[in-house]
């Protein structure tokens, strides 16, 4: 499955990972693997069930009450918090297209 909300999710995921790298925050393996799959364009070739499984895992590692969510709650810069909010919106929209 490839849909119009897949690319925005991949873009926002890259933004999230870039922030985490810059701030020396541990990146969960499934988040790193997904970001790399978007980068090398292999994500689009995954079957629907694999995408659903990985997105569930990504959500668990990045939404509340995850360590990443706590990082952004306490982060002092509004711009980064806004970027995280954009990521969460893209994640939510993409999850809906996957039936999650």
C-alpha atoms as a PDB file:
ATOM      1  CA  UNK A   1       0.000   0.000   0.000  1.00  0.00           C
ATOM      2  CA  UNK A   2       1.227   3.457  -0.845  1.00  0.00           C
ATOM      3  CA  UNK A   3      -0.914   6.398   0.064  1.00  0.00           C
ATOM      4  CA  UNK A   4      -0.701  10.163   0.083  1.00  0.00           C
ATOM      5  CA  UNK A   5      -0.028  10.265   3.842  1.00  0.00           C
ATOM      6  CA  UNK A   6       2.912   7.862   3.750  1.00  0.00           C
ATOM      7  CA  UNK A   7       5.424  10.405   2.426  1.00  0.00           C
ATOM      8  CA  UNK A   8       4.513  13.146   4.982  1.00  0.00           C
ATOM      9  CA  UNK A   9       4.871  10.580   7.764  1.00  0.00           C
ATOM     10  CA  UNK A  10       8.296   9.559   6.466  1.00  0.00           C
ATOM     11  CA  UNK A  11       9.376  13.211   6.249  1.00  0.00           C
ATOM     12  CA  UNK A  12       8.239  13.962   9.801  1.00  0.00           C
ATOM     13  CA  UNK A  13       9.881  10.769  11.046  1.00  0.00           C
ATOM     14  CA  UNK A  14      13.180  11.995   9.583  1.00  0.00           C
ATOM     15  CA  UNK A  15      12.712  15.341  11.320  1.00  0.00           C
ATOM     16  CA  UNK A  16      12.132  13.524  14.606  1.00  0.00           C
ATOM     17  CA  UNK A  17      15.217  11.339  14.191  1.00  0.00           C
ATOM     18  CA  UNK A  18      17.354  14.344  13.270  1.00  0.00           C
ATOM     19  CA  UNK A  19      16.274  16.122  16.449  1.00  0.00           C
ATOM     20  CA  UNK A  20      17.007  13.040  18.555  1.00  0.00           C
ATOM     21  CA  UNK A  21      20.474  12.664  17.032  1.00  0.00           C
ATOM     22  CA  UNK A  22      21.236  16.354  17.555  1.00  0.00           C
ATOM     23  CA  UNK A  23      20.192  16.109  21.196  1.00  0.00           C
ATOM     24  CA  UNK A  24      21.893  12.783  21.882  1.00  0.00           C
ATOM     25  CA  UNK A  25      18.614  11.022  22.697  1.00  0.00           C
ATOM     26  CA  UNK A  26      18.412   7.237  22.295  1.00  0.00           C
ATOM     27  CA  UNK A  27      16.597   6.305  19.082  1.00  0.00           C
ATOM     28  CA  UNK A  28      14.545   3.125  19.422  1.00  0.00           C
ATOM     29  CA  UNK A  29      15.647   0.497  16.879  1.00  0.00           C
ATOM     30  CA  UNK A  30      12.279   0.297  15.109  1.00  0.00           C
ATOM     31  CA  UNK A  31      12.233   4.092  14.683  1.00  0.00           C
ATOM     32  CA  UNK A  32      15.761   4.078  13.261  1.00  0.00           C
ATOM     33  CA  UNK A  33      14.960   1.167  10.941  1.00  0.00           C
ATOM     34  CA  UNK A  34      11.800   2.862   9.669  1.00  0.00           C
ATOM     35  CA  UNK A  35      13.622   6.143   9.024  1.00  0.00           C
ATOM     36  CA  UNK A  36      16.254   4.254   7.056  1.00  0.00           C
ATOM     37  CA  UNK A  37      13.546   2.399   5.106  1.00  0.00           C
ATOM     38  CA  UNK A  38      11.995   5.719   4.107  1.00  0.00           C
ATOM     39  CA  UNK A  39      15.421   7.042   3.180  1.00  0.00           C
ATOM     40  CA  UNK A  40      16.295   4.113   0.908  1.00  0.00           C
ATOM     41  CA  UNK A  41      12.687   3.984  -0.350  1.00  0.00           C
ATOM     42  CA  UNK A  42      12.150   0.389   0.749  1.00  0.00           C
ATOM     43  CA  UNK A  43       9.242   1.320   3.050  1.00  0.00           C
ATOM     44  CA  UNK A  44       6.810   1.617   0.117  1.00  0.00           C
ATOM     45  CA  UNK A  45       7.544  -1.985  -0.865  1.00  0.00           C
ATOM     46  CA  UNK A  46       6.582  -3.441   2.509  1.00  0.00           C
ATOM     47  CA  UNK A  47       3.321  -5.352   2.736  1.00  0.00           C
ATOM     48  CA  UNK A  48       0.410  -3.782   4.601  1.00  0.00           C
ATOM     49  CA  UNK A  49       0.640  -6.002   7.667  1.00  0.00           C
ATOM     50  CA  UNK A  50       4.360  -5.297   8.112  1.00  0.00           C
ATOM     51  CA  UNK A  51       3.668  -1.556   7.870  1.00  0.00           C
ATOM     52  CA  UNK A  52       0.890  -1.823  10.461  1.00  0.00           C
ATOM     53  CA  UNK A  53       3.112  -3.778  12.851  1.00  0.00           C
ATOM     54  CA  UNK A  54       6.002  -1.343  12.518  1.00  0.00           C
ATOM     55  CA  UNK A  55       3.800   1.733  12.848  1.00  0.00           C
ATOM     56  CA  UNK A  56       2.271   0.299  16.042  1.00  0.00           C
ATOM     57  CA  UNK A  57       5.800  -0.166  17.419  1.00  0.00           C
ATOM     58  CA  UNK A  58       6.878   3.316  16.288  1.00  0.00           C
ATOM     59  CA  UNK A  59       3.820   4.831  17.959  1.00  0.00           C
ATOM     60  CA  UNK A  60       4.554   2.988  21.203  1.00  0.00           C
ATOM     61  CA  UNK A  61       8.116   4.342  21.145  1.00  0.00           C
ATOM     62  CA  UNK A  62       7.224   7.946  20.258  1.00  0.00           C
ATOM     63  CA  UNK A  63       3.753   8.796  21.609  1.00  0.00           C
ATOM     64  CA  UNK A  64       2.894   9.449  25.257  1.00  0.00           C
ATOM     65  CA  UNK A  65       4.035   8.060  27.685  1.00  0.00           C
ATOM     66  CA  UNK A  66       7.276   7.179  25.880  1.00  0.00           C
ATOM     67  CA  UNK A  67      10.736   8.507  26.707  1.00  0.00           C
ATOM     68  CA  UNK A  68      10.648  10.497  23.468  1.00  0.00           C
ATOM     69  CA  UNK A  69       7.364  12.128  24.466  1.00  0.00           C
ATOM     70  CA  UNK A  70       8.814  13.019  27.863  1.00  0.00           C
ATOM     71  CA  UNK A  71      11.880  14.487  26.147  1.00  0.00           C
ATOM     72  CA  UNK A  72       9.726  16.836  24.095  1.00  0.00           C
ATOM     73  CA  UNK A  73       7.486  17.748  27.041  1.00  0.00           C
ATOM     74  CA  UNK A  74      10.530  19.034  28.889  1.00  0.00           C
ATOM     75  CA  UNK A  75      12.375  20.473  25.876  1.00  0.00           C
ATOM     76  CA  UNK A  76      12.828  24.245  26.229  1.00  0.00           C
ATOM     77  CA  UNK A  77      12.507  25.351  22.594  1.00  0.00           C
ATOM     78  CA  UNK A  78       9.003  25.972  21.161  1.00  0.00           C
ATOM     79  CA  UNK A  79      10.146  25.273  17.583  1.00  0.00           C
ATOM     80  CA  UNK A  80      11.165  21.712  18.439  1.00  0.00           C
ATOM     81  CA  UNK A  81       7.938  21.145  20.343  1.00  0.00           C
ATOM     82  CA  UNK A  82       6.009  22.357  17.299  1.00  0.00           C
ATOM     83  CA  UNK A  83       7.953  19.953  15.065  1.00  0.00           C
ATOM     84  CA  UNK A  84       7.095  17.091  17.425  1.00  0.00           C
ATOM     85  CA  UNK A  85       3.429  18.094  17.257  1.00  0.00           C
ATOM     86  CA  UNK A  86       3.648  17.968  13.453  1.00  0.00           C
ATOM     87  CA  UNK A  87       5.206  14.510  13.700  1.00  0.00           C
ATOM     88  CA  UNK A  88       2.386  13.317  15.961  1.00  0.00           C
ATOM     89  CA  UNK A  89      -0.181  14.657  13.492  1.00  0.00           C
ATOM     90  CA  UNK A  90       1.477  12.870  10.577  1.00  0.00           C
ATOM     91  CA  UNK A  91       1.678   9.673  12.628  1.00  0.00           C
ATOM     92  CA  UNK A  92      -2.001   9.912  13.581  1.00  0.00           C
ATOM     93  CA  UNK A  93      -3.074  10.487   9.969  1.00  0.00           C
ATOM     94  CA  UNK A  94      -0.915   7.662   8.663  1.00  0.00           C
ATOM     95  CA  UNK A  95      -2.172   5.284  11.347  1.00  0.00           C
ATOM     96  CA  UNK A  96      -5.749   6.014  10.255  1.00  0.00           C
ATOM     97  CA  UNK A  97      -4.929   5.142   6.632  1.00  0.00           C
ATOM     98  CA  UNK A  98      -3.516   1.835   7.832  1.00  0.00           C
ATOM     99  CA  UNK A  99      -6.663   1.100   9.842  1.00  0.00           C
ATOM    100  CA  UNK A 100      -4.968   1.551  13.226  1.00  0.00           C
END
